[in-house]
Amino acid sequence: MTQRDNISIDNHQIILLDRKGRVRYSCETLINLHGFKENSVVSAFPILESIFPHILTMGTKEKPLRYNRLEYPVPGLSGSYDFTFQWAEIHDGDYILWNIYDRSELYKNLKKAQQRRNEQAIIEERLSHISQRELEEWK
């Protein structure tokens, strides 16, 4: 694990789907998908339902389709997640590789840092106006 990726086994799930949207493999780290071995997972997850037709047109050589900072993206997942979708050639065929990365802590910290920056900018703006008034009063 690299510090840049901030990924561990506990916050990353790998899922393989067939062309019909059935789960052919899942490490079950974040969400249980056992019920979708025979039935398509696509209609159960709104994000998959909306993008699945596009995924089916992608080739195995194309870059992954990325969706970052999804809030509560699927039933059973609360927090902020990054999803990637791409085709993977595996010895017995081609599969859709769906990676789910739990980035809840990362995005929570990022939001706090952005809030602090915004508050600092507001304070600096107010100080700038106060200083301008004081200069004008001195004249």
C-alpha atoms as a PDB file:
ATOM      1  CA  MET A   1       0.000   0.000   0.000  1.00  0.00           C
ATOM      2  CA  THR A   2       1.319   3.410  -0.910  1.00  0.00           C
ATOM      3  CA  GLN A   3       0.565   6.512   1.101  1.00  0.00           C
ATOM      4  CA  ARG A   4      -0.739   8.202  -2.048  1.00  0.00           C
ATOM      5  CA  ASP A   5      -3.390   5.535  -2.618  1.00  0.00           C
ATOM      6  CA  ASN A   6      -4.492   5.391   1.022  1.00  0.00           C
ATOM      7  CA  ILE A   7      -5.995   1.991   0.303  1.00  0.00           C
ATOM      8  CA  SER A   8      -5.987  -1.040   2.537  1.00  0.00           C
ATOM      9  CA  ILE A   9      -7.715  -4.375   2.328  1.00  0.00           C
ATOM     10  CA  ASP A  10     -10.346  -3.082   4.759  1.00  0.00           C
ATOM     11  CA  ASN A  11     -11.510  -0.200   2.572  1.00  0.00           C
ATOM     12  CA  HIS A  12     -11.369  -1.674  -0.926  1.00  0.00           C
ATOM     13  CA  GLN A  13     -13.703  -4.170  -2.566  1.00  0.00           C
ATOM     14  CA  ILE A  14     -13.091  -5.941  -5.857  1.00  0.00           C
ATOM     15  CA  ILE A  15     -16.092  -7.210  -7.818  1.00  0.00           C
ATOM     16  CA  LEU A  16     -16.228  -9.042 -11.140  1.00  0.00           C
ATOM     17  CA  LEU A  17     -19.450  -8.836 -13.130  1.00  0.00           C
ATOM     18  CA  ASP A  18     -20.418 -10.700 -16.274  1.00  0.00           C
ATOM     19  CA  ARG A  19     -22.140  -9.032 -19.251  1.00  0.00           C
ATOM     20  CA  LYS A  20     -25.544  -9.643 -17.653  1.00  0.00           C
ATOM     21  CA  GLY A  21     -24.526  -7.875 -14.449  1.00  0.00           C
ATOM     22  CA  ARG A  22     -24.255 -11.013 -12.339  1.00  0.00           C
ATOM     23  CA  VAL A  23     -21.580 -11.126  -9.658  1.00  0.00           C
ATOM     24  CA  ARG A  24     -18.933 -13.689 -10.582  1.00  0.00           C
ATOM     25  CA  TYR A  25     -16.561 -12.723  -7.786  1.00  0.00           C
ATOM     26  CA  SER A  26     -16.599 -10.341  -4.834  1.00  0.00           C
ATOM     27  CA  CYS A  27     -14.229 -10.161  -1.895  1.00  0.00           C
ATOM     28  CA  GLU A  28     -17.188  -8.893   0.215  1.00  0.00           C
ATOM     29  CA  THR A  29     -15.031  -6.377   2.104  1.00  0.00           C
ATOM     30  CA  LEU A  30     -17.524  -3.485   2.115  1.00  0.00           C
ATOM     31  CA  ILE A  31     -20.860  -4.864   0.955  1.00  0.00           C
ATOM     32  CA  ASN A  32     -22.374  -8.336   0.717  1.00  0.00           C
ATOM     33  CA  LEU A  33     -23.294  -9.253  -2.858  1.00  0.00           C
ATOM     34  CA  HIS A  34     -23.938 -13.004  -2.410  1.00  0.00           C
ATOM     35  CA  GLY A  35     -27.549 -12.543  -3.511  1.00  0.00           C
ATOM     36  CA  PHE A  36     -26.448 -11.479  -6.986  1.00  0.00           C
ATOM     37  CA  LYS A  37     -24.644 -14.624  -8.144  1.00  0.00           C
ATOM     38  CA  GLU A  38     -27.641 -15.677 -10.270  1.00  0.00           C
ATOM     39  CA  ASN A  39     -29.494 -12.358 -10.605  1.00  0.00           C
ATOM     40  CA  SER A  40     -28.244  -9.097 -12.067  1.00  0.00           C
ATOM     41  CA  VAL A  41     -26.959  -6.553  -9.593  1.00  0.00           C
ATOM     42  CA  VAL A  42     -27.585  -3.716 -12.070  1.00  0.00           C
ATOM     43  CA  SER A  43     -31.203  -2.860 -11.236  1.00  0.00           C
ATOM     44  CA  ALA A  44     -30.477  -2.993  -7.493  1.00  0.00           C
ATOM     45  CA  PHE A  45     -27.931  -0.178  -7.701  1.00  0.00           C
ATOM     46  CA  PRO A  46     -29.054   3.085  -9.345  1.00  0.00           C
ATOM     47  CA  ILE A  47     -25.545   4.122 -10.384  1.00  0.00           C
ATOM     48  CA  LEU A  48     -24.988   0.803 -12.156  1.00  0.00           C
ATOM     49  CA  GLU A  49     -28.367   1.002 -13.824  1.00  0.00           C
ATOM     50  CA  SER A  50     -27.515   4.381 -15.314  1.00  0.00           C
ATOM     51  CA  ILE A  51     -24.010   3.546 -16.565  1.00  0.00           C
ATOM     52  CA  PHE A  52     -24.198  -0.178 -17.361  1.00  0.00           C
ATOM     53  CA  PRO A  53     -25.117   0.317 -21.052  1.00  0.00           C
ATOM     54  CA  HIS A  54     -22.011   2.504 -21.456  1.00  0.00           C
ATOM     55  CA  ILE A  55     -19.788  -0.003 -19.643  1.00  0.00           C
ATOM     56  CA  LEU A  56     -20.934  -2.714 -22.052  1.00  0.00           C
ATOM     57  CA  THR A  57     -19.632  -0.624 -24.986  1.00  0.00           C
ATOM     58  CA  MET A  58     -16.193  -0.094 -23.452  1.00  0.00           C
ATOM     59  CA  GLY A  59     -13.236  -2.126 -24.657  1.00  0.00           C
ATOM     60  CA  THR A  60     -10.661  -3.933 -22.564  1.00  0.00           C
ATOM     61  CA  LYS A  61      -7.980  -1.423 -23.581  1.00  0.00           C
ATOM     62  CA  GLU A  62      -9.926   1.666 -22.478  1.00  0.00           C
ATOM     63  CA  LYS A  63      -9.081   3.599 -19.353  1.00  0.00           C
ATOM     64  CA  PRO A  64     -11.233   2.859 -16.315  1.00  0.00           C
ATOM     65  CA  LEU A  65     -14.494   4.740 -15.921  1.00  0.00           C
ATOM     66  CA  ARG A  66     -14.121   6.671 -12.640  1.00  0.00           C
ATOM     67  CA  TYR A  67     -16.670   8.151 -10.291  1.00  0.00           C
ATOM     68  CA  ASN A  68     -15.170   9.963  -7.329  1.00  0.00           C
ATOM     69  CA  ARG A  69     -16.622  11.125  -4.053  1.00  0.00           C
ATOM     70  CA  LEU A  70     -19.949   9.362  -4.317  1.00  0.00           C
ATOM     71  CA  GLU A  71     -22.022   9.933  -1.184  1.00  0.00           C
ATOM     72  CA  TYR A  72     -24.054   6.882  -0.098  1.00  0.00           C
ATOM     73  CA  PRO A  73     -23.750   5.398  -3.603  1.00  0.00           C
ATOM     74  CA  VAL A  74     -25.498   2.081  -3.016  1.00  0.00           C
ATOM     75  CA  PRO A  75     -27.780   0.575  -0.386  1.00  0.00           C
ATOM     76  CA  GLY A  76     -25.692  -0.608   2.530  1.00  0.00           C
ATOM     77  CA  LEU A  77     -22.829   1.843   2.026  1.00  0.00           C
ATOM     78  CA  SER A  78     -22.768   5.056   4.013  1.00  0.00           C
ATOM     79  CA  GLY A  79     -19.933   7.519   3.535  1.00  0.00           C
ATOM     80  CA  SER A  80     -17.940   8.666   0.501  1.00  0.00           C
ATOM     81  CA  TYR A  81     -16.653   6.249  -2.108  1.00  0.00           C
ATOM     82  CA  ASP A  82     -14.716   6.163  -5.347  1.00  0.00           C
ATOM     83  CA  PHE A  83     -15.818   3.650  -7.994  1.00  0.00           C
ATOM     84  CA  THR A  84     -13.916   2.449 -11.030  1.00  0.00           C
ATOM     85  CA  PHE A  85     -15.222   0.233 -13.821  1.00  0.00           C
ATOM     86  CA  GLN A  86     -13.189  -1.405 -16.559  1.00  0.00           C
ATOM     87  CA  TRP A  87     -13.042  -4.600 -18.554  1.00  0.00           C
ATOM     88  CA  ALA A  88     -10.607  -7.264 -17.402  1.00  0.00           C
ATOM     89  CA  GLU A  89      -9.429 -10.233 -19.426  1.00  0.00           C
ATOM     90  CA  ILE A  90      -9.297 -13.277 -17.170  1.00  0.00           C
ATOM     91  CA  HIS A  91      -8.383 -16.767 -18.320  1.00  0.00           C
ATOM     92  CA  ASP A  92     -12.002 -17.884 -18.825  1.00  0.00           C
ATOM     93  CA  GLY A  93     -13.388 -14.682 -20.357  1.00  0.00           C
ATOM     94  CA  ASP A  94     -13.890 -10.929 -20.092  1.00  0.00           C
ATOM     95  CA  TYR A  95     -15.396  -9.425 -16.964  1.00  0.00           C
ATOM     96  CA  ILE A  96     -16.334  -5.994 -15.708  1.00  0.00           C
ATOM     97  CA  LEU A  97     -13.944  -5.133 -12.900  1.00  0.00           C
ATOM     98  CA  TRP A  98     -15.724  -2.907 -10.388  1.00  0.00           C
ATOM     99  CA  ASN A  99     -13.529  -1.449  -7.648  1.00  0.00           C
ATOM    100  CA  ILE A 100     -15.090   0.257  -4.657  1.00  0.00           C
ATOM    101  CA  TYR A 101     -12.773   2.379  -2.509  1.00  0.00           C
ATOM    102  CA  ASP A 102     -14.021   3.656   0.844  1.00  0.00           C
ATOM    103  CA  ARG A 103     -12.645   7.191   0.948  1.00  0.00           C
ATOM    104  CA  SER A 104     -14.914   8.432   3.755  1.00  0.00           C
ATOM    105  CA  GLU A 105     -12.080   9.443   6.072  1.00  0.00           C
ATOM    106  CA  LEU A 106     -10.062  11.071   3.283  1.00  0.00           C
ATOM    107  CA  TYR A 107     -13.000  13.168   2.056  1.00  0.00           C
ATOM    108  CA  LYS A 108     -14.022  14.083   5.600  1.00  0.00           C
ATOM    109  CA  ASN A 109     -10.512  15.421   6.238  1.00  0.00           C
ATOM    110  CA  LEU A 110     -10.480  17.202   2.880  1.00  0.00           C
ATOM    111  CA  LYS A 111     -13.807  18.878   3.689  1.00  0.00           C
ATOM    112  CA  LYS A 112     -12.436  20.088   7.036  1.00  0.00           C
ATOM    113  CA  ALA A 113      -9.312  21.497   5.366  1.00  0.00           C
ATOM    114  CA  GLN A 114     -11.400  23.259   2.704  1.00  0.00           C
ATOM    115  CA  GLN A 115     -13.650  24.726   5.399  1.00  0.00           C
ATOM    116  CA  ARG A 116     -10.629  26.057   7.295  1.00  0.00           C
ATOM    117  CA  ARG A 117      -9.254  27.610   4.083  1.00  0.00           C
ATOM    118  CA  ASN A 118     -12.598  29.241   3.333  1.00  0.00           C
ATOM    119  CA  GLU A 119     -12.879  30.626   6.859  1.00  0.00           C
ATOM    120  CA  GLN A 120      -9.337  32.005   6.625  1.00  0.00           C
ATOM    121  CA  ALA A 121     -10.148  33.699   3.309  1.00  0.00           C
ATOM    122  CA  ILE A 122     -13.233  35.323   4.868  1.00  0.00           C
ATOM    123  CA  ILE A 123     -11.194  36.582   7.816  1.00  0.00           C
ATOM    124  CA  GLU A 124      -8.525  37.981   5.498  1.00  0.00           C
ATOM    125  CA  GLU A 125     -11.192  39.719   3.399  1.00  0.00           C
ATOM    126  CA  ARG A 126     -12.720  41.336   6.503  1.00  0.00           C
ATOM    127  CA  LEU A 127      -9.305  42.448   7.756  1.00  0.00           C
ATOM    128  CA  SER A 128      -8.561  43.944   4.362  1.00  0.00           C
ATOM    129  CA  HIS A 129     -11.764  46.030   4.510  1.00  0.00           C
ATOM    130  CA  ILE A 130     -11.049  47.133   8.063  1.00  0.00           C
ATOM    131  CA  SER A 131      -7.526  48.190   7.082  1.00  0.00           C
ATOM    132  CA  GLN A 132      -8.847  50.152   4.080  1.00  0.00           C
ATOM    133  CA  ARG A 133     -11.326  52.010   6.318  1.00  0.00           C
ATOM    134  CA  GLU A 134      -8.639  52.833   8.853  1.00  0.00           C
ATOM    135  CA  LEU A 135      -6.384  54.186   6.081  1.00  0.00           C
ATOM    136  CA  GLU A 136      -9.197  56.363   4.745  1.00  0.00           C
ATOM    137  CA  GLU A 137      -9.966  57.661   8.225  1.00  0.00           C
ATOM    138  CA  TRP A 138      -6.325  58.581   8.737  1.00  0.00           C
ATOM    139  CA  LYS A 139      -6.239  60.696   5.609  1.00  0.00           C
END
